[in-house]
């Protein structure tokens, strides 16, 4: 079996937080040639990273002191190919309970064209000490 290196995202994926507050966020990505897949369109992993980061930024605004969150499941539906430009993921928390949060995200070009939609479920963790329980119990 022959192996070969797959060099994706060698320049990294630099995201910019444009706004956040009240359970919503906007995060942008400037598309670079190094973000392209083998057929010349934006790699799905770059879109997923933008959606995941936007969702996390939206949830972070709603967490209480000591709470953290991690994704349980994220689904991204790619609607249209992207070859260049700036993308903005607009994310909003639909519901945050004691241990689970549900988030929705839309990714659009600077011209407003929808290129992807995402739905995510996140686990909200409160440390034992923050719940008033003694350590080690």
C-alpha atoms as a PDB file:
ATOM      1  CA  UNK A   1       0.000   0.000   0.000  1.00  0.00           C
ATOM      2  CA  UNK A   2       1.353   3.408  -0.977  1.00  0.00           C
ATOM      3  CA  UNK A   3       0.926   6.333   1.380  1.00  0.00           C
ATOM      4  CA  UNK A   4       1.120  10.027   0.649  1.00  0.00           C
ATOM      5  CA  UNK A   5       0.816  13.189   2.670  1.00  0.00           C
ATOM      6  CA  UNK A   6      -2.384  15.214   2.311  1.00  0.00           C
ATOM      7  CA  UNK A   7      -1.452  18.835   2.993  1.00  0.00           C
ATOM      8  CA  UNK A   8      -4.646  20.610   4.005  1.00  0.00           C
ATOM      9  CA  UNK A   9      -4.853  23.986   5.742  1.00  0.00           C
ATOM     10  CA  UNK A  10      -1.083  24.466   5.770  1.00  0.00           C
ATOM     11  CA  UNK A  11      -1.679  28.192   6.304  1.00  0.00           C
ATOM     12  CA  UNK A  12      -4.141  27.493   9.103  1.00  0.00           C
ATOM     13  CA  UNK A  13      -7.724  28.575   9.500  1.00  0.00           C
ATOM     14  CA  UNK A  14      -7.828  32.062  10.979  1.00  0.00           C
ATOM     15  CA  UNK A  15     -11.279  33.020  12.228  1.00  0.00           C
ATOM     16  CA  UNK A  16     -12.418  36.446  13.400  1.00  0.00           C
ATOM     17  CA  UNK A  17     -15.097  36.982  16.046  1.00  0.00           C
ATOM     18  CA  UNK A  18     -17.218  39.823  14.670  1.00  0.00           C
ATOM     19  CA  UNK A  19     -19.834  39.924  17.423  1.00  0.00           C
ATOM     20  CA  UNK A  20     -21.215  37.921  20.321  1.00  0.00           C
ATOM     21  CA  UNK A  21     -23.791  38.398  23.020  1.00  0.00           C
ATOM     22  CA  UNK A  22     -27.159  37.182  24.216  1.00  0.00           C
ATOM     23  CA  UNK A  23     -26.636  33.666  22.893  1.00  0.00           C
ATOM     24  CA  UNK A  24     -25.671  34.709  19.375  1.00  0.00           C
ATOM     25  CA  UNK A  25     -22.426  35.229  17.490  1.00  0.00           C
ATOM     26  CA  UNK A  26     -20.957  36.099  14.121  1.00  0.00           C
ATOM     27  CA  UNK A  27     -17.600  34.613  13.127  1.00  0.00           C
ATOM     28  CA  UNK A  28     -15.873  35.129   9.775  1.00  0.00           C
ATOM     29  CA  UNK A  29     -13.378  33.258   7.615  1.00  0.00           C
ATOM     30  CA  UNK A  30     -11.352  34.778   4.789  1.00  0.00           C
ATOM     31  CA  UNK A  31     -11.125  31.948   2.238  1.00  0.00           C
ATOM     32  CA  UNK A  32      -7.550  31.191   1.105  1.00  0.00           C
ATOM     33  CA  UNK A  33      -6.234  28.964  -1.696  1.00  0.00           C
ATOM     34  CA  UNK A  34      -4.843  26.604   0.960  1.00  0.00           C
ATOM     35  CA  UNK A  35      -8.422  25.959   2.165  1.00  0.00           C
ATOM     36  CA  UNK A  36      -9.444  24.354  -1.134  1.00  0.00           C
ATOM     37  CA  UNK A  37     -10.060  20.657  -1.642  1.00  0.00           C
ATOM     38  CA  UNK A  38      -8.824  18.576  -4.581  1.00  0.00           C
ATOM     39  CA  UNK A  39     -11.606  19.819  -6.891  1.00  0.00           C
ATOM     40  CA  UNK A  40     -10.956  23.494  -6.219  1.00  0.00           C
ATOM     41  CA  UNK A  41     -13.735  24.432  -3.816  1.00  0.00           C
ATOM     42  CA  UNK A  42     -13.620  25.235  -0.107  1.00  0.00           C
ATOM     43  CA  UNK A  43     -12.945  22.079   1.917  1.00  0.00           C
ATOM     44  CA  UNK A  44     -15.886  20.957   4.050  1.00  0.00           C
ATOM     45  CA  UNK A  45     -13.594  20.800   7.076  1.00  0.00           C
ATOM     46  CA  UNK A  46     -13.029  24.561   6.870  1.00  0.00           C
ATOM     47  CA  UNK A  47     -16.787  25.184   6.807  1.00  0.00           C
ATOM     48  CA  UNK A  48     -17.257  22.775   9.733  1.00  0.00           C
ATOM     49  CA  UNK A  49     -14.568  24.579  11.744  1.00  0.00           C
ATOM     50  CA  UNK A  50     -16.274  27.929  11.094  1.00  0.00           C
ATOM     51  CA  UNK A  51     -19.664  26.547  12.189  1.00  0.00           C
ATOM     52  CA  UNK A  52     -18.269  24.788  15.282  1.00  0.00           C
ATOM     53  CA  UNK A  53     -16.401  27.903  16.415  1.00  0.00           C
ATOM     54  CA  UNK A  54     -19.386  30.176  15.816  1.00  0.00           C
ATOM     55  CA  UNK A  55     -21.651  27.877  17.819  1.00  0.00           C
ATOM     56  CA  UNK A  56     -19.189  27.734  20.706  1.00  0.00           C
ATOM     57  CA  UNK A  57     -18.911  31.539  20.776  1.00  0.00           C
ATOM     58  CA  UNK A  58     -22.717  31.839  20.941  1.00  0.00           C
ATOM     59  CA  UNK A  59     -22.977  29.372  23.836  1.00  0.00           C
ATOM     60  CA  UNK A  60     -20.090  30.877  25.813  1.00  0.00           C
ATOM     61  CA  UNK A  61     -22.123  34.049  26.333  1.00  0.00           C
ATOM     62  CA  UNK A  62     -24.779  32.067  28.211  1.00  0.00           C
ATOM     63  CA  UNK A  63     -22.571  29.936  30.457  1.00  0.00           C
ATOM     64  CA  UNK A  64     -22.538  30.622  34.179  1.00  0.00           C
ATOM     65  CA  UNK A  65     -19.283  30.958  36.059  1.00  0.00           C
ATOM     66  CA  UNK A  66     -17.550  27.575  36.191  1.00  0.00           C
ATOM     67  CA  UNK A  67     -19.557  26.023  33.343  1.00  0.00           C
ATOM     68  CA  UNK A  68     -17.851  24.727  30.206  1.00  0.00           C
ATOM     69  CA  UNK A  69     -19.234  23.137  27.066  1.00  0.00           C
ATOM     70  CA  UNK A  70     -18.186  20.612  24.443  1.00  0.00           C
ATOM     71  CA  UNK A  71     -19.919  19.501  21.274  1.00  0.00           C
ATOM     72  CA  UNK A  72     -21.852  16.238  21.309  1.00  0.00           C
ATOM     73  CA  UNK A  73     -22.946  16.369  17.688  1.00  0.00           C
ATOM     74  CA  UNK A  74     -22.732  18.886  14.866  1.00  0.00           C
ATOM     75  CA  UNK A  75     -24.307  18.464  11.459  1.00  0.00           C
ATOM     76  CA  UNK A  76     -23.366  20.741   8.566  1.00  0.00           C
ATOM     77  CA  UNK A  77     -25.277  20.816   5.303  1.00  0.00           C
ATOM     78  CA  UNK A  78     -23.247  22.373   2.499  1.00  0.00           C
ATOM     79  CA  UNK A  79     -25.651  24.195   0.196  1.00  0.00           C
ATOM     80  CA  UNK A  80     -23.370  25.890  -2.346  1.00  0.00           C
ATOM     81  CA  UNK A  81     -19.683  25.696  -3.319  1.00  0.00           C
ATOM     82  CA  UNK A  82     -17.271  28.461  -2.323  1.00  0.00           C
ATOM     83  CA  UNK A  83     -14.111  29.383  -4.204  1.00  0.00           C
ATOM     84  CA  UNK A  84     -13.167  32.758  -2.722  1.00  0.00           C
ATOM     85  CA  UNK A  85     -14.230  35.627  -0.510  1.00  0.00           C
ATOM     86  CA  UNK A  86     -15.294  36.008   3.086  1.00  0.00           C
ATOM     87  CA  UNK A  87     -17.785  33.770   4.858  1.00  0.00           C
ATOM     88  CA  UNK A  88     -19.740  34.690   7.980  1.00  0.00           C
ATOM     89  CA  UNK A  89     -21.286  32.117  10.311  1.00  0.00           C
ATOM     90  CA  UNK A  90     -24.245  33.543  12.221  1.00  0.00           C
ATOM     91  CA  UNK A  91     -25.042  31.270  15.158  1.00  0.00           C
ATOM     92  CA  UNK A  92     -27.828  31.396  17.718  1.00  0.00           C
ATOM     93  CA  UNK A  93     -28.569  29.268  20.771  1.00  0.00           C
ATOM     94  CA  UNK A  94     -32.071  27.859  20.344  1.00  0.00           C
ATOM     95  CA  UNK A  95     -32.224  26.359  23.839  1.00  0.00           C
ATOM     96  CA  UNK A  96     -29.855  26.031  26.778  1.00  0.00           C
ATOM     97  CA  UNK A  97     -30.846  23.710  29.560  1.00  0.00           C
ATOM     98  CA  UNK A  98     -28.906  22.630  32.617  1.00  0.00           C
ATOM     99  CA  UNK A  99     -26.762  20.110  30.702  1.00  0.00           C
ATOM    100  CA  UNK A 100     -27.623  20.408  26.984  1.00  0.00           C
ATOM    101  CA  UNK A 101     -27.647  23.329  24.530  1.00  0.00           C
ATOM    102  CA  UNK A 102     -28.973  23.355  20.960  1.00  0.00           C
ATOM    103  CA  UNK A 103     -27.473  25.791  18.458  1.00  0.00           C
ATOM    104  CA  UNK A 104     -28.221  26.720  14.850  1.00  0.00           C
ATOM    105  CA  UNK A 105     -25.822  28.332  12.380  1.00  0.00           C
ATOM    106  CA  UNK A 106     -26.057  29.779   8.876  1.00  0.00           C
ATOM    107  CA  UNK A 107     -22.981  30.452   6.768  1.00  0.00           C
ATOM    108  CA  UNK A 108     -23.274  33.148   4.129  1.00  0.00           C
ATOM    109  CA  UNK A 109     -20.976  34.957   1.737  1.00  0.00           C
ATOM    110  CA  UNK A 110     -20.369  38.705   2.100  1.00  0.00           C
ATOM    111  CA  UNK A 111     -23.061  39.103  -0.581  1.00  0.00           C
ATOM    112  CA  UNK A 112     -25.583  37.194   1.559  1.00  0.00           C
ATOM    113  CA  UNK A 113     -25.634  33.913  -0.403  1.00  0.00           C
ATOM    114  CA  UNK A 114     -26.365  30.912   1.835  1.00  0.00           C
ATOM    115  CA  UNK A 115     -23.579  28.328   1.540  1.00  0.00           C
ATOM    116  CA  UNK A 116     -24.165  26.100   4.592  1.00  0.00           C
ATOM    117  CA  UNK A 117     -26.449  25.437   7.547  1.00  0.00           C
ATOM    118  CA  UNK A 118     -25.509  23.772  10.791  1.00  0.00           C
ATOM    119  CA  UNK A 119     -27.238  22.287  13.813  1.00  0.00           C
ATOM    120  CA  UNK A 120     -25.366  21.428  16.962  1.00  0.00           C
ATOM    121  CA  UNK A 121     -25.919  19.826  20.344  1.00  0.00           C
ATOM    122  CA  UNK A 122     -23.512  20.701  23.149  1.00  0.00           C
ATOM    123  CA  UNK A 123     -22.977  19.234  26.605  1.00  0.00           C
ATOM    124  CA  UNK A 124     -22.886  21.871  29.334  1.00  0.00           C
ATOM    125  CA  UNK A 125     -20.721  20.776  32.237  1.00  0.00           C
ATOM    126  CA  UNK A 126     -20.784  22.310  35.678  1.00  0.00           C
ATOM    127  CA  UNK A 127     -17.823  21.341  37.866  1.00  0.00           C
ATOM    128  CA  UNK A 128     -18.761  19.478  41.038  1.00  0.00           C
ATOM    129  CA  UNK A 129     -17.445  22.309  43.209  1.00  0.00           C
ATOM    130  CA  UNK A 130     -19.614  24.829  41.350  1.00  0.00           C
ATOM    131  CA  UNK A 131     -22.712  22.728  42.145  1.00  0.00           C
ATOM    132  CA  UNK A 132     -21.985  22.993  45.851  1.00  0.00           C
ATOM    133  CA  UNK A 133     -20.927  19.367  46.260  1.00  0.00           C
ATOM    134  CA  UNK A 134     -17.699  18.557  48.079  1.00  0.00           C
ATOM    135  CA  UNK A 135     -14.682  17.477  46.058  1.00  0.00           C
ATOM    136  CA  UNK A 136     -14.023  13.756  45.919  1.00  0.00           C
ATOM    137  CA  UNK A 137     -17.622  12.670  46.500  1.00  0.00           C
END
